[in-house]
Structures are given as structure tokens and as C-alpha cells.
Amino acid sequence: MFGLGTPELMIILAIAFLVFGGKKLPELGAGLGKGISSFKKGLQEPALSDKKEAQKTE
């Protein structure tokens, strides 16, 4: 995973905790998860619309 080991991830999480605080981290994680799922849906939609168009022309 990008050459990151456990110690590096622990340092990144500690810095994030110091910067954003304990109350804000769950909100940031939820927002990040929603953003990623939205991005994946956006990538899949053109493929789905292409399939629908192909079925209409048949």
C-alpha cells in the first residue's frame, strides 16, 4: 500500500488527531467514505448508460 507500514500510518493518524481533534475525525472519515462511494458511482454511470443505449438499439 504505497510503501506505508504500520509505524508510518500510526504517525499519520496521530498528526490527524492533533490537527482535527477527536470529535472531528469521525465526521471526516464519514465524509471521505461518502465521497469515495460517490466517485465510484460516477465512474460506473457512463458504463451503465452505454449498456442501456446498446440495449435500446437492439
PDB file of N, CA and C in Angstrom:
ATOM      1  N   MET A   1       0.838  -1.182   0.000  1.00  0.00           N
ATOM      2  CA  MET A   1       0.000   0.000   0.000  1.00  0.00           C
ATOM      3  C   MET A   1       0.881   1.243   0.000  1.00  0.00           C
ATOM      4  N   PHE A   2       1.370   1.629  -1.094  1.00  0.00           N
ATOM      5  CA  PHE A   2       2.171   2.835  -1.282  1.00  0.00           C
ATOM      6  C   PHE A   2       3.422   2.860  -0.408  1.00  0.00           C
ATOM      7  N   GLY A   3       3.883   1.714   0.023  1.00  0.00           N
ATOM      8  CA  GLY A   3       5.086   1.651   0.829  1.00  0.00           C
ATOM      9  C   GLY A   3       4.908   2.165   2.246  1.00  0.00           C
ATOM     10  N   LEU A   4       3.665   2.243   2.729  1.00  0.00           N
ATOM     11  CA  LEU A   4       3.406   2.701   4.086  1.00  0.00           C
ATOM     12  C   LEU A   4       3.252   1.496   4.999  1.00  0.00           C
ATOM     13  N   GLY A   5       4.013   1.482   6.066  1.00  0.00           N
ATOM     14  CA  GLY A   5       3.903   0.423   7.045  1.00  0.00           C
ATOM     15  C   GLY A   5       3.110   0.888   8.246  1.00  0.00           C
ATOM     16  N   THR A   6       3.035   0.036   9.227  1.00  0.00           N
ATOM     17  CA  THR A   6       2.283   0.346  10.444  1.00  0.00           C
ATOM     18  C   THR A   6       2.827   1.582  11.168  1.00  0.00           C
ATOM     19  N   PRO A   7       4.140   1.720  11.330  1.00  0.00           N
ATOM     20  CA  PRO A   7       4.624   2.923  12.039  1.00  0.00           C
ATOM     21  C   PRO A   7       4.260   4.231  11.322  1.00  0.00           C
ATOM     22  N   GLU A   8       4.344   4.217  10.005  1.00  0.00           N
ATOM     23  CA  GLU A   8       4.019   5.425   9.259  1.00  0.00           C
ATOM     24  C   GLU A   8       2.539   5.776   9.388  1.00  0.00           C
ATOM     25  N   LEU A   9       1.668   4.754   9.327  1.00  0.00           N
ATOM     26  CA  LEU A   9       0.241   5.005   9.462  1.00  0.00           C
ATOM     27  C   LEU A   9      -0.107   5.517  10.860  1.00  0.00           C
ATOM     28  N   MET A  10       0.574   4.992  11.862  1.00  0.00           N
ATOM     29  CA  MET A  10       0.336   5.460  13.225  1.00  0.00           C
ATOM     30  C   MET A  10       0.726   6.930  13.378  1.00  0.00           C
ATOM     31  N   ILE A  11       1.818   7.326  12.764  1.00  0.00           N
ATOM     32  CA  ILE A  11       2.259   8.726  12.820  1.00  0.00           C
ATOM     33  C   ILE A  11       1.257   9.622  12.105  1.00  0.00           C
ATOM     34  N   ILE A  12       0.781   9.186  10.947  1.00  0.00           N
ATOM     35  CA  ILE A  12      -0.198   9.971  10.192  1.00  0.00           C
ATOM     36  C   ILE A  12      -1.487  10.133  10.998  1.00  0.00           C
ATOM     37  N   LEU A  13      -1.951   9.045  11.624  1.00  0.00           N
ATOM     38  CA  LEU A  13      -3.165   9.120  12.444  1.00  0.00           C
ATOM     39  C   LEU A  13      -2.976  10.022  13.659  1.00  0.00           C
ATOM     40  N   ALA A  14      -1.807   9.979  14.267  1.00  0.00           N
ATOM     41  CA  ALA A  14      -1.532  10.838  15.416  1.00  0.00           C
ATOM     42  C   ALA A  14      -1.540  12.310  15.008  1.00  0.00           C
ATOM     43  N   ILE A  15      -0.949  12.621  13.886  1.00  0.00           N
ATOM     44  CA  ILE A  15      -0.940  14.008  13.397  1.00  0.00           C
ATOM     45  C   ILE A  15      -2.352  14.462  13.067  1.00  0.00           C
ATOM     46  N   ALA A  16      -3.129  13.591  12.422  1.00  0.00           N
ATOM     47  CA  ALA A  16      -4.519  13.935  12.097  1.00  0.00           C
ATOM     48  C   ALA A  16      -5.317  14.183  13.374  1.00  0.00           C
ATOM     49  N   PHE A  17      -5.072  13.364  14.398  1.00  0.00           N
ATOM     50  CA  PHE A  17      -5.766  13.548  15.671  1.00  0.00           C
ATOM     51  C   PHE A  17      -5.410  14.889  16.294  1.00  0.00           C
ATOM     52  N   LEU A  18      -4.152  15.258  16.222  1.00  0.00           N
ATOM     53  CA  LEU A  18      -3.722  16.539  16.793  1.00  0.00           C
ATOM     54  C   LEU A  18      -4.285  17.723  16.012  1.00  0.00           C
ATOM     55  N   VAL A  19      -4.348  17.594  14.699  1.00  0.00           N
ATOM     56  CA  VAL A  19      -4.809  18.711  13.869  1.00  0.00           C
ATOM     57  C   VAL A  19      -6.323  18.884  13.969  1.00  0.00           C
ATOM     58  N   PHE A  20      -7.071  17.786  13.834  1.00  0.00           N
ATOM     59  CA  PHE A  20      -8.526  17.889  13.748  1.00  0.00           C
ATOM     60  C   PHE A  20      -9.250  17.641  15.062  1.00  0.00           C
ATOM     61  N   GLY A  21      -8.626  16.972  15.984  1.00  0.00           N
ATOM     62  CA  GLY A  21      -9.275  16.682  17.260  1.00  0.00           C
ATOM     63  C   GLY A  21     -10.094  15.404  17.195  1.00  0.00           C
ATOM     64  N   GLY A  22     -10.410  14.873  18.349  1.00  0.00           N
ATOM     65  CA  GLY A  22     -11.110  13.602  18.432  1.00  0.00           C
ATOM     66  C   GLY A  22     -12.546  13.649  17.953  1.00  0.00           C
ATOM     67  N   LYS A  23     -13.221  14.772  18.136  1.00  0.00           N
ATOM     68  CA  LYS A  23     -14.628  14.861  17.740  1.00  0.00           C
ATOM     69  C   LYS A  23     -14.797  15.008  16.235  1.00  0.00           C
ATOM     70  N   LYS A  24     -13.847  15.596  15.594  1.00  0.00           N
ATOM     71  CA  LYS A  24     -13.975  15.886  14.163  1.00  0.00           C
ATOM     72  C   LYS A  24     -13.559  14.702  13.286  1.00  0.00           C
ATOM     73  N   LEU A  25     -12.710  13.812  13.788  1.00  0.00           N
ATOM     74  CA  LEU A  25     -12.215  12.698  12.967  1.00  0.00           C
ATOM     75  C   LEU A  25     -13.314  11.774  12.457  1.00  0.00           C
ATOM     76  N   PRO A  26     -14.305  11.359  13.254  1.00  0.00           N
ATOM     77  CA  PRO A  26     -15.367  10.504  12.697  1.00  0.00           C
ATOM     78  C   PRO A  26     -16.156  11.190  11.580  1.00  0.00           C
ATOM     79  N   GLU A  27     -16.375  12.491  11.729  1.00  0.00           N
ATOM     80  CA  GLU A  27     -17.079  13.235  10.681  1.00  0.00           C
ATOM     81  C   GLU A  27     -16.258  13.266   9.399  1.00  0.00           C
ATOM     82  N   LEU A  28     -14.960  13.475   9.538  1.00  0.00           N
ATOM     83  CA  LEU A  28     -14.092  13.495   8.361  1.00  0.00           C
ATOM     84  C   LEU A  28     -14.048  12.128   7.689  1.00  0.00           C
ATOM     85  N   GLY A  29     -13.998  11.061   8.487  1.00  0.00           N
ATOM     86  CA  GLY A  29     -13.986   9.713   7.935  1.00  0.00           C
ATOM     87  C   GLY A  29     -15.264   9.392   7.196  1.00  0.00           C
ATOM     88  N   ALA A  30     -16.393   9.777   7.764  1.00  0.00           N
ATOM     89  CA  ALA A  30     -17.676   9.536   7.108  1.00  0.00           C
ATOM     90  C   ALA A  30     -17.771  10.323   5.803  1.00  0.00           C
ATOM     91  N   GLY A  31     -17.338  11.558   5.834  1.00  0.00           N
ATOM     92  CA  GLY A  31     -17.365  12.374   4.615  1.00  0.00           C
ATOM     93  C   GLY A  31     -16.456  11.821   3.540  1.00  0.00           C
ATOM     94  N   LEU A  32     -15.302  11.328   3.944  1.00  0.00           N
ATOM     95  CA  LEU A  32     -14.376  10.734   2.990  1.00  0.00           C
ATOM     96  C   LEU A  32     -14.969   9.470   2.378  1.00  0.00           C
ATOM     97  N   GLY A  33     -15.607   8.650   3.195  1.00  0.00           N
ATOM     98  CA  GLY A  33     -16.239   7.431   2.692  1.00  0.00           C
ATOM     99  C   GLY A  33     -17.358   7.728   1.713  1.00  0.00           C
ATOM    100  N   LYS A  34     -18.179   8.723   2.019  1.00  0.00           N
ATOM    101  CA  LYS A  34     -19.260   9.112   1.112  1.00  0.00           C
ATOM    102  C   LYS A  34     -18.698   9.661  -0.193  1.00  0.00           C
ATOM    103  N   GLY A  35     -17.633  10.422  -0.097  1.00  0.00           N
ATOM    104  CA  GLY A  35     -17.012  10.973  -1.300  1.00  0.00           C
ATOM    105  C   GLY A  35     -16.440   9.893  -2.202  1.00  0.00           C
ATOM    106  N   ILE A  36     -15.810   8.904  -1.613  1.00  0.00           N
ATOM    107  CA  ILE A  36     -15.242   7.806  -2.396  1.00  0.00           C
ATOM    108  C   ILE A  36     -16.342   7.003  -3.065  1.00  0.00           C
ATOM    109  N   SER A  37     -17.414   6.694  -2.328  1.00  0.00           N
ATOM    110  CA  SER A  37     -18.506   5.922  -2.935  1.00  0.00           C
ATOM    111  C   SER A  37     -19.187   6.718  -4.037  1.00  0.00           C
ATOM    112  N   SER A  38     -19.335   8.008  -3.847  1.00  0.00           N
ATOM    113  CA  SER A  38     -19.913   8.857  -4.886  1.00  0.00           C
ATOM    114  C   SER A  38     -19.026   8.876  -6.132  1.00  0.00           C
ATOM    115  N   PHE A  39     -17.727   8.930  -5.923  1.00  0.00           N
ATOM    116  CA  PHE A  39     -16.782   8.916  -7.033  1.00  0.00           C
ATOM    117  C   PHE A  39     -16.878   7.609  -7.811  1.00  0.00           C
ATOM    118  N   LYS A  40     -16.973   6.489  -7.096  1.00  0.00           N
ATOM    119  CA  LYS A  40     -17.085   5.187  -7.753  1.00  0.00           C
ATOM    120  C   LYS A  40     -18.379   5.082  -8.550  1.00  0.00           C
ATOM    121  N   LYS A  41     -19.482   5.597  -7.990  1.00  0.00           N
ATOM    122  CA  LYS A  41     -20.750   5.597  -8.713  1.00  0.00           C
ATOM    123  C   LYS A  41     -20.640   6.429  -9.982  1.00  0.00           C
ATOM    124  N   GLY A  42     -19.974   7.558  -9.879  1.00  0.00           N
ATOM    125  CA  GLY A  42     -19.789   8.421 -11.043  1.00  0.00           C
ATOM    126  C   GLY A  42     -18.987   7.756 -12.134  1.00  0.00           C
ATOM    127  N   LEU A  43     -18.041   6.917 -11.750  1.00  0.00           N
ATOM    128  CA  LEU A  43     -17.258   6.193 -12.756  1.00  0.00           C
ATOM    129  C   LEU A  43     -18.073   5.090 -13.406  1.00  0.00           C
ATOM    130  N   GLN A  44     -19.012   4.508 -12.678  1.00  0.00           N
ATOM    131  CA  GLN A  44     -19.802   3.407 -13.205  1.00  0.00           C
ATOM    132  C   GLN A  44     -20.981   3.875 -14.044  1.00  0.00           C
ATOM    133  N   GLU A  45     -21.489   5.058 -13.813  1.00  0.00           N
ATOM    134  CA  GLU A  45     -22.661   5.545 -14.527  1.00  0.00           C
ATOM    135  C   GLU A  45     -22.482   5.617 -16.039  1.00  0.00           C
ATOM    136  N   PRO A  46     -21.363   6.113 -16.562  1.00  0.00           N
ATOM    137  CA  PRO A  46     -21.225   6.129 -18.022  1.00  0.00           C
ATOM    138  C   PRO A  46     -21.272   4.725 -18.624  1.00  0.00           C
ATOM    139  N   ALA A  47     -20.717   3.756 -17.950  1.00  0.00           N
ATOM    140  CA  ALA A  47     -20.747   2.388 -18.456  1.00  0.00           C
ATOM    141  C   ALA A  47     -22.174   1.856 -18.457  1.00  0.00           C
ATOM    142  N   LEU A  48     -22.942   2.181 -17.426  1.00  0.00           N
ATOM    143  CA  LEU A  48     -24.324   1.727 -17.360  1.00  0.00           C
ATOM    144  C   LEU A  48     -25.171   2.386 -18.432  1.00  0.00           C
ATOM    145  N   SER A  49     -24.949   3.675 -18.677  1.00  0.00           N
ATOM    146  CA  SER A  49     -25.730   4.359 -19.702  1.00  0.00           C
ATOM    147  C   SER A  49     -25.371   3.844 -21.094  1.00  0.00           C
ATOM    148  N   ASP A  50     -24.120   3.464 -21.309  1.00  0.00           N
ATOM    149  CA  ASP A  50     -23.727   2.871 -22.583  1.00  0.00           C
ATOM    150  C   ASP A  50     -24.433   1.543 -22.805  1.00  0.00           C
ATOM    151  N   LYS A  51     -24.549   0.748 -21.761  1.00  0.00           N
ATOM    152  CA  LYS A  51     -25.241  -0.548 -21.877  1.00  0.00           C
ATOM    153  C   LYS A  51     -26.711  -0.347 -22.178  1.00  0.00           C
ATOM    154  N   LYS A  52     -27.339   0.645 -21.548  1.00  0.00           N
ATOM    155  CA  LYS A  52     -28.762   0.915 -21.784  1.00  0.00           C
ATOM    156  C   LYS A  52     -28.986   1.359 -23.227  1.00  0.00           C
ATOM    157  N   GLU A  53     -28.090   2.191 -23.754  1.00  0.00           N
ATOM    158  CA  GLU A  53     -28.213   2.643 -25.133  1.00  0.00           C
ATOM    159  C   GLU A  53     -28.045   1.477 -26.100  1.00  0.00           C
ATOM    160  N   ALA A  54     -27.128   0.572 -25.793  1.00  0.00           N
ATOM    161  CA  ALA A  54     -26.902  -0.576 -26.649  1.00  0.00           C
ATOM    162  C   ALA A  54     -28.128  -1.481 -26.643  1.00  0.00           C
ATOM    163  N   GLN A  55     -28.801  -1.615 -25.524  1.00  0.00           N
ATOM    164  CA  GLN A  55     -29.994  -2.448 -25.450  1.00  0.00           C
ATOM    165  C   GLN A  55     -31.154  -1.797 -26.194  1.00  0.00           C
ATOM    166  N   LYS A  56     -31.233  -0.482 -26.210  1.00  0.00           N
ATOM    167  CA  LYS A  56     -32.297   0.213 -26.926  1.00  0.00           C
ATOM    168  C   LYS A  56     -32.155   0.046 -28.431  1.00  0.00           C
ATOM    169  N   THR A  57     -30.928   0.040 -28.928  1.00  0.00           N
ATOM    170  CA  THR A  57     -30.705  -0.053 -30.377  1.00  0.00           C
ATOM    171  C   THR A  57     -30.907  -1.465 -30.899  1.00  0.00           C
ATOM    172  N   GLU A  58     -30.878  -2.461 -29.990  1.00  0.00           N
ATOM    173  CA  GLU A  58     -31.048  -3.851 -30.442  1.00  0.00           C
ATOM    174  C   GLU A  58     -32.446  -4.190 -30.711  1.00  0.00           C
TER     175      GLU A  58
END
